[in-house]
């Protein structure tokens, strides 16, 4: 199995990159989170990989971090989720957002990813519970229940995850839900 590639980045054509490793060019499919962090063409690159051999294809997937690769591996274990869907989820959400969605059991965040419907999102949340996001309790950006409620209110009002998180960071940690929503909305209106 190919676990890691280190070589010269020859070509970048999303979501595929071409890495030259001592004269052998490997086509590697990467999530957009990895793609955006790649160096310029001609530079050295190192990718953690996952190699899939099927009857009709041999596919190589590359990741910039171990957490991306581990999340990919957990996703493809789920029935009905293939490697392309797993890449789309990691590209559309990122590992931290996916972990937070699983921890908080928020199907609405997964539905925003192209190709993920309500039933698939609910199945993903159910199957990933305890596997991804289990350690988010200690690393969560939102330290109390009030902040989670404020976040849910902002998401329900149509703000995206990044806008809502930025508004929450500006609030005092001990603020009440209604005051927090009002102040977050005022900050977002500016």
C-alpha atoms as a PDB file:
ATOM      1  CA  UNK A   1       0.000   0.000   0.000  1.00  0.00           C
ATOM      2  CA  UNK A   2       1.207   3.520  -0.767  1.00  0.00           C
ATOM      3  CA  UNK A   3       1.042   5.499   2.496  1.00  0.00           C
ATOM      4  CA  UNK A   4       2.960   8.664   1.615  1.00  0.00           C
ATOM      5  CA  UNK A   5       4.318  10.412  -1.461  1.00  0.00           C
ATOM      6  CA  UNK A   6       7.113  12.952  -1.479  1.00  0.00           C
ATOM      7  CA  UNK A   7       8.210  14.487  -4.738  1.00  0.00           C
ATOM      8  CA  UNK A   8       7.928  17.374  -7.154  1.00  0.00           C
ATOM      9  CA  UNK A   9       4.494  18.835  -7.845  1.00  0.00           C
ATOM     10  CA  UNK A  10       4.179  18.768 -11.645  1.00  0.00           C
ATOM     11  CA  UNK A  11       0.548  19.741 -12.230  1.00  0.00           C
ATOM     12  CA  UNK A  12      -2.474  21.004 -10.297  1.00  0.00           C
ATOM     13  CA  UNK A  13      -5.906  20.478 -11.849  1.00  0.00           C
ATOM     14  CA  UNK A  14      -8.574  20.336  -9.103  1.00  0.00           C
ATOM     15  CA  UNK A  15      -9.140  17.880  -7.541  1.00  0.00           C
ATOM     16  CA  UNK A  16      -6.215  16.007  -9.138  1.00  0.00           C
ATOM     17  CA  UNK A  17      -2.511  16.719  -8.730  1.00  0.00           C
ATOM     18  CA  UNK A  18       0.455  15.058 -10.420  1.00  0.00           C
ATOM     19  CA  UNK A  19       3.441  14.288  -8.195  1.00  0.00           C
ATOM     20  CA  UNK A  20       6.766  13.156  -9.712  1.00  0.00           C
ATOM     21  CA  UNK A  21       8.560  10.743  -7.388  1.00  0.00           C
ATOM     22  CA  UNK A  22      11.973   9.957  -8.912  1.00  0.00           C
ATOM     23  CA  UNK A  23      10.675   9.719 -12.469  1.00  0.00           C
ATOM     24  CA  UNK A  24       7.290   8.142 -11.731  1.00  0.00           C
ATOM     25  CA  UNK A  25       4.299  10.479 -11.920  1.00  0.00           C
ATOM     26  CA  UNK A  26       1.440   9.704  -9.529  1.00  0.00           C
ATOM     27  CA  UNK A  27      -2.023  11.139 -10.157  1.00  0.00           C
ATOM     28  CA  UNK A  28      -3.474  11.893  -6.743  1.00  0.00           C
ATOM     29  CA  UNK A  29      -6.967  13.152  -5.956  1.00  0.00           C
ATOM     30  CA  UNK A  30      -7.001  15.584  -3.039  1.00  0.00           C
ATOM     31  CA  UNK A  31      -9.707  17.441  -1.094  1.00  0.00           C
ATOM     32  CA  UNK A  32      -9.874  21.184  -1.691  1.00  0.00           C
ATOM     33  CA  UNK A  33      -8.589  21.862   1.835  1.00  0.00           C
ATOM     34  CA  UNK A  34      -5.336  20.138   0.846  1.00  0.00           C
ATOM     35  CA  UNK A  35      -5.356  21.600  -2.673  1.00  0.00           C
ATOM     36  CA  UNK A  36      -5.425  25.204  -1.409  1.00  0.00           C
ATOM     37  CA  UNK A  37      -2.404  24.531   0.824  1.00  0.00           C
ATOM     38  CA  UNK A  38      -0.227  23.028  -1.922  1.00  0.00           C
ATOM     39  CA  UNK A  39       2.960  24.833  -2.936  1.00  0.00           C
ATOM     40  CA  UNK A  40       3.518  26.218  -6.443  1.00  0.00           C
ATOM     41  CA  UNK A  41       4.092  23.870  -9.357  1.00  0.00           C
ATOM     42  CA  UNK A  42       7.716  22.685  -9.414  1.00  0.00           C
ATOM     43  CA  UNK A  43       8.087  22.723  -5.631  1.00  0.00           C
ATOM     44  CA  UNK A  44       8.549  19.729  -3.332  1.00  0.00           C
ATOM     45  CA  UNK A  45       5.358  18.326  -1.839  1.00  0.00           C
ATOM     46  CA  UNK A  46       4.601  15.575   0.658  1.00  0.00           C
ATOM     47  CA  UNK A  47       1.164  13.956   0.875  1.00  0.00           C
ATOM     48  CA  UNK A  48      -0.233  11.235   3.094  1.00  0.00           C
ATOM     49  CA  UNK A  49      -2.125   8.831   0.849  1.00  0.00           C
ATOM     50  CA  UNK A  50      -4.854   6.215   0.742  1.00  0.00           C
ATOM     51  CA  UNK A  51      -4.682   3.682  -2.082  1.00  0.00           C
ATOM     52  CA  UNK A  52      -7.834   1.946  -3.324  1.00  0.00           C
ATOM     53  CA  UNK A  53      -7.707  -0.999  -5.707  1.00  0.00           C
ATOM     54  CA  UNK A  54     -10.972  -1.932  -7.407  1.00  0.00           C
ATOM     55  CA  UNK A  55     -11.799  -4.295 -10.195  1.00  0.00           C
ATOM     56  CA  UNK A  56     -11.928  -1.457 -12.717  1.00  0.00           C
ATOM     57  CA  UNK A  57      -9.530   1.133 -11.250  1.00  0.00           C
ATOM     58  CA  UNK A  58      -6.615   1.905  -8.966  1.00  0.00           C
ATOM     59  CA  UNK A  59      -7.179   5.193  -7.167  1.00  0.00           C
ATOM     60  CA  UNK A  60      -4.781   7.235  -5.064  1.00  0.00           C
ATOM     61  CA  UNK A  61      -6.064   9.903  -2.683  1.00  0.00           C
ATOM     62  CA  UNK A  62      -3.774  12.409  -0.984  1.00  0.00           C
ATOM     63  CA  UNK A  63      -4.124  14.490   2.177  1.00  0.00           C
ATOM     64  CA  UNK A  64      -2.163  17.285   3.775  1.00  0.00           C
ATOM     65  CA  UNK A  65      -2.855  16.148   7.347  1.00  0.00           C
ATOM     66  CA  UNK A  66      -3.302  12.861   9.171  1.00  0.00           C
ATOM     67  CA  UNK A  67      -6.708  13.986  10.458  1.00  0.00           C
ATOM     68  CA  UNK A  68      -7.970  14.487   6.885  1.00  0.00           C
ATOM     69  CA  UNK A  69      -6.825  10.994   5.914  1.00  0.00           C
ATOM     70  CA  UNK A  70      -8.351   9.431   9.036  1.00  0.00           C
ATOM     71  CA  UNK A  71     -11.663  11.213   8.424  1.00  0.00           C
ATOM     72  CA  UNK A  72     -11.631  10.030   4.800  1.00  0.00           C
ATOM     73  CA  UNK A  73     -11.063   6.452   5.970  1.00  0.00           C
ATOM     74  CA  UNK A  74     -13.957   6.659   8.444  1.00  0.00           C
ATOM     75  CA  UNK A  75     -16.257   8.109   5.767  1.00  0.00           C
ATOM     76  CA  UNK A  76     -15.580   5.431   3.147  1.00  0.00           C
ATOM     77  CA  UNK A  77     -16.402   2.691   5.676  1.00  0.00           C
ATOM     78  CA  UNK A  78     -20.022   3.880   5.621  1.00  0.00           C
ATOM     79  CA  UNK A  79     -22.317   2.057   3.216  1.00  0.00           C
ATOM     80  CA  UNK A  80     -23.206   4.258   0.255  1.00  0.00           C
ATOM     81  CA  UNK A  81     -20.325   6.687   0.772  1.00  0.00           C
ATOM     82  CA  UNK A  82     -17.646   6.247  -1.843  1.00  0.00           C
ATOM     83  CA  UNK A  83     -14.298   7.977  -2.107  1.00  0.00           C
ATOM     84  CA  UNK A  84     -15.625  10.832  -4.264  1.00  0.00           C
ATOM     85  CA  UNK A  85     -18.415  11.584  -1.779  1.00  0.00           C
ATOM     86  CA  UNK A  86     -15.932  11.438   1.096  1.00  0.00           C
ATOM     87  CA  UNK A  87     -13.656  13.911  -0.743  1.00  0.00           C
ATOM     88  CA  UNK A  88     -16.660  16.185  -1.368  1.00  0.00           C
ATOM     89  CA  UNK A  89     -17.536  16.156   2.344  1.00  0.00           C
ATOM     90  CA  UNK A  90     -13.974  16.960   3.425  1.00  0.00           C
ATOM     91  CA  UNK A  91     -13.701  19.634   0.714  1.00  0.00           C
ATOM     92  CA  UNK A  92     -17.067  21.175   1.542  1.00  0.00           C
ATOM     93  CA  UNK A  93     -16.805  21.195   5.318  1.00  0.00           C
ATOM     94  CA  UNK A  94     -13.327  20.509   6.548  1.00  0.00           C
ATOM     95  CA  UNK A  95     -12.455  18.043   9.283  1.00  0.00           C
ATOM     96  CA  UNK A  96     -13.134  20.358  12.236  1.00  0.00           C
ATOM     97  CA  UNK A  97     -16.561  21.436  10.950  1.00  0.00           C
ATOM     98  CA  UNK A  98     -17.513  17.814  10.257  1.00  0.00           C
ATOM     99  CA  UNK A  99     -16.408  16.778  13.756  1.00  0.00           C
ATOM    100  CA  UNK A 100     -18.432  19.597  15.277  1.00  0.00           C
ATOM    101  CA  UNK A 101     -21.497  18.696  13.183  1.00  0.00           C
ATOM    102  CA  UNK A 102     -21.219  15.070  14.348  1.00  0.00           C
ATOM    103  CA  UNK A 103     -20.751  16.085  17.981  1.00  0.00           C
ATOM    104  CA  UNK A 104     -23.753  18.420  17.889  1.00  0.00           C
ATOM    105  CA  UNK A 105     -25.721  16.061  15.554  1.00  0.00           C
ATOM    106  CA  UNK A 106     -26.439  18.822  13.016  1.00  0.00           C
ATOM    107  CA  UNK A 107     -27.674  17.301   9.761  1.00  0.00           C
ATOM    108  CA  UNK A 108     -28.258  20.791   8.318  1.00  0.00           C
ATOM    109  CA  UNK A 109     -24.537  21.419   7.994  1.00  0.00           C
ATOM    110  CA  UNK A 110     -24.004  18.188   6.029  1.00  0.00           C
ATOM    111  CA  UNK A 111     -26.903  18.895   3.672  1.00  0.00           C
ATOM    112  CA  UNK A 112     -25.027  21.975   2.434  1.00  0.00           C
ATOM    113  CA  UNK A 113     -22.425  19.667   0.832  1.00  0.00           C
ATOM    114  CA  UNK A 114     -23.317  18.935  -2.826  1.00  0.00           C
ATOM    115  CA  UNK A 115     -24.576  15.375  -3.251  1.00  0.00           C
ATOM    116  CA  UNK A 116     -25.595  14.911   0.397  1.00  0.00           C
ATOM    117  CA  UNK A 117     -29.322  14.707   1.035  1.00  0.00           C
ATOM    118  CA  UNK A 118     -31.216  14.633   4.297  1.00  0.00           C
ATOM    119  CA  UNK A 119     -31.273  10.824   4.647  1.00  0.00           C
ATOM    120  CA  UNK A 120     -27.572  10.478   3.829  1.00  0.00           C
ATOM    121  CA  UNK A 121     -26.705  13.270   6.289  1.00  0.00           C
ATOM    122  CA  UNK A 122     -28.669  11.590   9.071  1.00  0.00           C
ATOM    123  CA  UNK A 123     -27.040   8.219   8.327  1.00  0.00           C
ATOM    124  CA  UNK A 124     -23.577   9.852   8.353  1.00  0.00           C
ATOM    125  CA  UNK A 125     -24.251  11.473  11.728  1.00  0.00           C
ATOM    126  CA  UNK A 126     -25.459   8.196  13.176  1.00  0.00           C
ATOM    127  CA  UNK A 127     -22.548   6.116  11.877  1.00  0.00           C
ATOM    128  CA  UNK A 128     -19.845   8.689  12.689  1.00  0.00           C
ATOM    129  CA  UNK A 129     -21.044   9.315  16.232  1.00  0.00           C
ATOM    130  CA  UNK A 130     -18.275   8.290  18.593  1.00  0.00           C
ATOM    131  CA  UNK A 131     -15.744   7.919  15.744  1.00  0.00           C
ATOM    132  CA  UNK A 132     -15.355  11.535  14.651  1.00  0.00           C
ATOM    133  CA  UNK A 133     -15.854  14.451  16.983  1.00  0.00           C
ATOM    134  CA  UNK A 134     -15.739  12.376  20.166  1.00  0.00           C
ATOM    135  CA  UNK A 135     -12.884  14.538  21.454  1.00  0.00           C
ATOM    136  CA  UNK A 136     -14.557  17.807  20.480  1.00  0.00           C
ATOM    137  CA  UNK A 137     -15.920  18.256  23.989  1.00  0.00           C
ATOM    138  CA  UNK A 138     -12.514  19.384  25.204  1.00  0.00           C
ATOM    139  CA  UNK A 139     -11.567  21.292  22.050  1.00  0.00           C
ATOM    140  CA  UNK A 140     -14.913  22.873  21.248  1.00  0.00           C
ATOM    141  CA  UNK A 141     -14.868  26.553  20.439  1.00  0.00           C
ATOM    142  CA  UNK A 142     -18.150  26.940  22.276  1.00  0.00           C
ATOM    143  CA  UNK A 143     -17.648  26.296  25.942  1.00  0.00           C
ATOM    144  CA  UNK A 144     -21.208  26.299  27.216  1.00  0.00           C
ATOM    145  CA  UNK A 145     -24.760  25.450  26.249  1.00  0.00           C
ATOM    146  CA  UNK A 146     -25.699  29.134  25.762  1.00  0.00           C
ATOM    147  CA  UNK A 147     -23.037  29.557  23.093  1.00  0.00           C
ATOM    148  CA  UNK A 148     -24.269  26.432  21.294  1.00  0.00           C
ATOM    149  CA  UNK A 149     -27.823  27.821  21.365  1.00  0.00           C
ATOM    150  CA  UNK A 150     -26.619  31.163  19.976  1.00  0.00           C
ATOM    151  CA  UNK A 151     -24.728  29.326  17.219  1.00  0.00           C
ATOM    152  CA  UNK A 152     -27.836  27.323  16.293  1.00  0.00           C
ATOM    153  CA  UNK A 153     -29.921  30.503  16.144  1.00  0.00           C
ATOM    154  CA  UNK A 154     -27.425  32.218  13.823  1.00  0.00           C
ATOM    155  CA  UNK A 155     -27.249  29.167  11.554  1.00  0.00           C
ATOM    156  CA  UNK A 156     -31.060  29.006  11.455  1.00  0.00           C
ATOM    157  CA  UNK A 157     -31.125  32.672  10.410  1.00  0.00           C
ATOM    158  CA  UNK A 158     -29.001  31.816   7.375  1.00  0.00           C
ATOM    159  CA  UNK A 159     -25.511  32.829   8.454  1.00  0.00           C
ATOM    160  CA  UNK A 160     -22.745  30.434   7.452  1.00  0.00           C
ATOM    161  CA  UNK A 161     -20.554  28.585   9.958  1.00  0.00           C
ATOM    162  CA  UNK A 162     -17.609  30.983   9.700  1.00  0.00           C
ATOM    163  CA  UNK A 163     -19.728  34.116  10.174  1.00  0.00           C
ATOM    164  CA  UNK A 164     -21.527  32.603  13.161  1.00  0.00           C
ATOM    165  CA  UNK A 165     -18.277  31.410  14.766  1.00  0.00           C
ATOM    166  CA  UNK A 166     -16.654  34.836  14.295  1.00  0.00           C
ATOM    167  CA  UNK A 167     -19.644  36.557  15.902  1.00  0.00           C
ATOM    168  CA  UNK A 168     -19.531  34.106  18.839  1.00  0.00           C
ATOM    169  CA  UNK A 169     -15.842  34.690  19.483  1.00  0.00           C
ATOM    170  CA  UNK A 170     -16.553  38.404  20.024  1.00  0.00           C
ATOM    171  CA  UNK A 171     -19.113  37.663  22.770  1.00  0.00           C
ATOM    172  CA  UNK A 172     -18.300  37.282  26.456  1.00  0.00           C
ATOM    173  CA  UNK A 173     -18.343  33.592  27.482  1.00  0.00           C
ATOM    174  CA  UNK A 174     -21.016  34.007  30.173  1.00  0.00           C
ATOM    175  CA  UNK A 175     -23.584  35.895  28.070  1.00  0.00           C
ATOM    176  CA  UNK A 176     -27.241  34.799  28.017  1.00  0.00           C
ATOM    177  CA  UNK A 177     -28.848  33.362  24.891  1.00  0.00           C
ATOM    178  CA  UNK A 178     -31.166  36.262  24.004  1.00  0.00           C
ATOM    179  CA  UNK A 179     -28.534  38.942  24.701  1.00  0.00           C
ATOM    180  CA  UNK A 180     -25.953  36.886  22.820  1.00  0.00           C
ATOM    181  CA  UNK A 181     -28.168  36.585  19.746  1.00  0.00           C
ATOM    182  CA  UNK A 182     -28.886  40.323  19.765  1.00  0.00           C
ATOM    183  CA  UNK A 183     -25.213  41.267  20.108  1.00  0.00           C
ATOM    184  CA  UNK A 184     -24.108  38.719  17.503  1.00  0.00           C
ATOM    185  CA  UNK A 185     -26.682  40.042  15.032  1.00  0.00           C
ATOM    186  CA  UNK A 186     -25.503  43.610  15.682  1.00  0.00           C
ATOM    187  CA  UNK A 187     -21.904  42.543  15.043  1.00  0.00           C
ATOM    188  CA  UNK A 188     -22.872  40.711  11.845  1.00  0.00           C
ATOM    189  CA  UNK A 189     -24.876  43.697  10.581  1.00  0.00           C
ATOM    190  CA  UNK A 190     -21.779  45.926  10.561  1.00  0.00           C
END
